[in-house]
Amino acid sequence: MKLEEIAIFTDRVKETTAFYLALGGKIVYQNEGMAIVGFDNVKLLIHARYQPGEGELPCENHIAFGTPNVDTEVKRLSSLGLTIDYEPSDYDWGRSAYLRDPDGKLVELSQTTKS
């Protein structure tokens, strides 16, 4: 797996985006409530904070590791005794699963859908 994304949730998307652009990032995608800023091979997702509804993913800062097959990786990590908080599911951006590190920080396993 490789580190692909860092996600930041904020009430100040415009200002946060400007800050990271000043640090040398480049806009990959942007809309009213979100920006993706590229730094070499890592994307910084800056997303408007929201109140998650029932069954929605939490609105938490997290890191994402890319993998060719989320389901295979979940099986491997589960066999090592790690707990998967959000089982593999399909989303607009691809297929993801989520677990937490020993400090409780959210970690995404991401399988991007090929176009």
C-alpha atoms as a PDB file:
ATOM      1  CA  MET A   1       0.000   0.000   0.000  1.00  0.00           C
ATOM      2  CA  LYS A   2       1.058   3.570  -0.484  1.00  0.00           C
ATOM      3  CA  LEU A   3       0.009   6.781   1.197  1.00  0.00           C
ATOM      4  CA  GLU A   4      -2.243   8.568  -1.298  1.00  0.00           C
ATOM      5  CA  GLU A   5      -4.375  11.075   0.580  1.00  0.00           C
ATOM      6  CA  ILE A   6      -4.665  13.188   3.686  1.00  0.00           C
ATOM      7  CA  ALA A   7      -8.191  14.419   4.416  1.00  0.00           C
ATOM      8  CA  ILE A   8      -8.877  17.565   6.428  1.00  0.00           C
ATOM      9  CA  PHE A   9     -12.383  18.612   7.453  1.00  0.00           C
ATOM     10  CA  THR A  10     -12.808  22.314   8.154  1.00  0.00           C
ATOM     11  CA  ASP A  11     -15.303  25.162   8.356  1.00  0.00           C
ATOM     12  CA  ARG A  12     -12.849  27.290   6.338  1.00  0.00           C
ATOM     13  CA  VAL A  13     -12.331  25.466   3.026  1.00  0.00           C
ATOM     14  CA  LYS A  14     -11.341  28.576   1.045  1.00  0.00           C
ATOM     15  CA  GLU A  15      -8.786  29.814   3.589  1.00  0.00           C
ATOM     16  CA  THR A  16      -7.359  26.343   4.234  1.00  0.00           C
ATOM     17  CA  THR A  17      -6.991  25.743   0.502  1.00  0.00           C
ATOM     18  CA  ALA A  18      -5.176  29.067   0.064  1.00  0.00           C
ATOM     19  CA  PHE A  19      -2.803  28.135   2.895  1.00  0.00           C
ATOM     20  CA  TYR A  20      -1.804  24.831   1.283  1.00  0.00           C
ATOM     21  CA  LEU A  21      -1.492  26.425  -2.146  1.00  0.00           C
ATOM     22  CA  ALA A  22       0.981  28.885  -0.590  1.00  0.00           C
ATOM     23  CA  LEU A  23       2.999  25.852   0.563  1.00  0.00           C
ATOM     24  CA  GLY A  24       3.377  24.730  -3.051  1.00  0.00           C
ATOM     25  CA  GLY A  25       0.323  22.576  -3.690  1.00  0.00           C
ATOM     26  CA  LYS A  26      -1.596  22.612  -6.967  1.00  0.00           C
ATOM     27  CA  ILE A  27      -5.386  22.448  -7.372  1.00  0.00           C
ATOM     28  CA  VAL A  28      -6.428  19.035  -8.710  1.00  0.00           C
ATOM     29  CA  TYR A  29     -10.174  19.558  -8.209  1.00  0.00           C
ATOM     30  CA  GLN A  30     -12.332  22.168  -6.518  1.00  0.00           C
ATOM     31  CA  ASN A  31     -15.987  22.919  -5.877  1.00  0.00           C
ATOM     32  CA  GLU A  32     -17.941  24.948  -3.306  1.00  0.00           C
ATOM     33  CA  GLY A  33     -17.401  22.597  -0.372  1.00  0.00           C
ATOM     34  CA  MET A  34     -14.180  20.835  -1.237  1.00  0.00           C
ATOM     35  CA  ALA A  35     -10.735  21.150  -2.767  1.00  0.00           C
ATOM     36  CA  ILE A  36      -8.145  18.551  -3.666  1.00  0.00           C
ATOM     37  CA  VAL A  37      -4.616  19.938  -3.563  1.00  0.00           C
ATOM     38  CA  GLY A  38      -1.835  17.866  -5.062  1.00  0.00           C
ATOM     39  CA  PHE A  39       1.644  17.492  -3.566  1.00  0.00           C
ATOM     40  CA  ASP A  40       3.687  15.137  -5.773  1.00  0.00           C
ATOM     41  CA  ASN A  41       1.994  11.732  -5.307  1.00  0.00           C
ATOM     42  CA  VAL A  42      -0.140  12.682  -2.286  1.00  0.00           C
ATOM     43  CA  LYS A  43      -3.504  14.438  -2.464  1.00  0.00           C
ATOM     44  CA  LEU A  44      -4.689  16.736   0.295  1.00  0.00           C
ATOM     45  CA  LEU A  45      -8.494  16.614   0.447  1.00  0.00           C
ATOM     46  CA  ILE A  46      -9.901  19.729   2.102  1.00  0.00           C
ATOM     47  CA  HIS A  47     -13.582  19.121   2.795  1.00  0.00           C
ATOM     48  CA  ALA A  48     -16.298  21.216   4.429  1.00  0.00           C
ATOM     49  CA  ARG A  49     -17.215  19.900   7.856  1.00  0.00           C
ATOM     50  CA  TYR A  50     -20.678  18.297   7.985  1.00  0.00           C
ATOM     51  CA  GLN A  51     -22.899  16.475  10.435  1.00  0.00           C
ATOM     52  CA  PRO A  52     -22.947  12.834   9.285  1.00  0.00           C
ATOM     53  CA  GLY A  53     -26.333  11.199   9.050  1.00  0.00           C
ATOM     54  CA  GLU A  54     -27.218   7.622   9.937  1.00  0.00           C
ATOM     55  CA  GLY A  55     -24.943   5.229   8.066  1.00  0.00           C
ATOM     56  CA  GLU A  56     -22.691   7.988   6.691  1.00  0.00           C
ATOM     57  CA  LEU A  57     -18.946   8.085   7.126  1.00  0.00           C
ATOM     58  CA  PRO A  58     -17.644  10.182  10.012  1.00  0.00           C
ATOM     59  CA  CYS A  59     -16.517  13.749   9.395  1.00  0.00           C
ATOM     60  CA  GLU A  60     -12.962  13.158  10.667  1.00  0.00           C
ATOM     61  CA  ASN A  61      -9.499  14.021   9.505  1.00  0.00           C
ATOM     62  CA  HIS A  62      -7.803  10.872   8.215  1.00  0.00           C
ATOM     63  CA  ILE A  63      -5.126   9.439   5.967  1.00  0.00           C
ATOM     64  CA  ALA A  64      -5.773   7.096   3.057  1.00  0.00           C
ATOM     65  CA  PHE A  65      -3.630   4.277   1.728  1.00  0.00           C
ATOM     66  CA  GLY A  66      -4.177   3.054  -1.817  1.00  0.00           C
ATOM     67  CA  THR A  67      -4.424  -0.641  -2.499  1.00  0.00           C
ATOM     68  CA  PRO A  68      -5.255  -2.607  -5.661  1.00  0.00           C
ATOM     69  CA  ASN A  69      -7.896  -4.624  -3.776  1.00  0.00           C
ATOM     70  CA  VAL A  70      -9.571  -3.325  -0.604  1.00  0.00           C
ATOM     71  CA  ASP A  71     -11.280  -6.637   0.153  1.00  0.00           C
ATOM     72  CA  THR A  72      -8.027  -8.604   0.047  1.00  0.00           C
ATOM     73  CA  GLU A  73      -6.300  -6.021   2.248  1.00  0.00           C
ATOM     74  CA  VAL A  74      -9.160  -6.075   4.775  1.00  0.00           C
ATOM     75  CA  LYS A  75      -8.883  -9.879   5.021  1.00  0.00           C
ATOM     76  CA  ARG A  76      -5.118  -9.622   5.535  1.00  0.00           C
ATOM     77  CA  LEU A  77      -5.377  -6.943   8.215  1.00  0.00           C
ATOM     78  CA  SER A  78      -8.232  -8.752   9.964  1.00  0.00           C
ATOM     79  CA  SER A  79      -6.086 -11.909  10.094  1.00  0.00           C
ATOM     80  CA  LEU A  80      -3.472  -9.823  11.937  1.00  0.00           C
ATOM     81  CA  GLY A  81      -6.068  -8.954  14.579  1.00  0.00           C
ATOM     82  CA  LEU A  82      -6.916  -5.442  13.390  1.00  0.00           C
ATOM     83  CA  THR A  83     -10.537  -4.314  13.635  1.00  0.00           C
ATOM     84  CA  ILE A  84     -12.249  -2.867  10.573  1.00  0.00           C
ATOM     85  CA  ASP A  85     -14.650  -0.088  11.644  1.00  0.00           C
ATOM     86  CA  TYR A  86     -16.296   0.386   8.245  1.00  0.00           C
ATOM     87  CA  GLU A  87     -16.332  -2.693   6.015  1.00  0.00           C
ATOM     88  CA  PRO A  88     -15.528  -2.323   2.298  1.00  0.00           C
ATOM     89  CA  SER A  89     -18.174  -0.341   0.445  1.00  0.00           C
ATOM     90  CA  ASP A  90     -18.501   1.342  -2.938  1.00  0.00           C
ATOM     91  CA  TYR A  91     -18.540   5.150  -3.118  1.00  0.00           C
ATOM     92  CA  ASP A  92     -18.408   7.764  -5.882  1.00  0.00           C
ATOM     93  CA  TRP A  93     -14.586   7.779  -5.691  1.00  0.00           C
ATOM     94  CA  GLY A  94     -14.094   4.002  -5.634  1.00  0.00           C
ATOM     95  CA  ARG A  95     -14.132   1.314  -2.963  1.00  0.00           C
ATOM     96  CA  SER A  96     -13.028   2.006   0.608  1.00  0.00           C
ATOM     97  CA  ALA A  97     -12.842   0.498   4.066  1.00  0.00           C
ATOM     98  CA  TYR A  98     -11.872   2.231   7.307  1.00  0.00           C
ATOM     99  CA  LEU A  99     -10.094   1.254  10.493  1.00  0.00           C
ATOM    100  CA  ARG A 100      -8.411   3.109  13.349  1.00  0.00           C
ATOM    101  CA  ASP A 101      -4.796   3.274  14.434  1.00  0.00           C
ATOM    102  CA  PRO A 102      -3.841   2.585  18.083  1.00  0.00           C
ATOM    103  CA  ASP A 103      -4.576   6.241  18.994  1.00  0.00           C
ATOM    104  CA  GLY A 104      -8.052   6.056  17.441  1.00  0.00           C
ATOM    105  CA  LYS A 105      -7.221   8.035  14.294  1.00  0.00           C
ATOM    106  CA  LEU A 106      -9.232   7.081  11.227  1.00  0.00           C
ATOM    107  CA  VAL A 107      -7.358   5.341   8.384  1.00  0.00           C
ATOM    108  CA  GLU A 108      -8.887   4.665   4.976  1.00  0.00           C
ATOM    109  CA  LEU A 109      -8.002   1.828   2.638  1.00  0.00           C
ATOM    110  CA  SER A 110      -8.862   3.054  -0.836  1.00  0.00           C
ATOM    111  CA  GLN A 111      -9.280   1.249  -4.141  1.00  0.00           C
ATOM    112  CA  THR A 112      -9.802   3.854  -6.839  1.00  0.00           C
ATOM    113  CA  THR A 113     -12.133   2.897  -9.655  1.00  0.00           C
ATOM    114  CA  LYS A 114     -10.232   2.869 -12.944  1.00  0.00           C
ATOM    115  CA  SER A 115     -11.774   4.970 -15.709  1.00  0.00           C
END
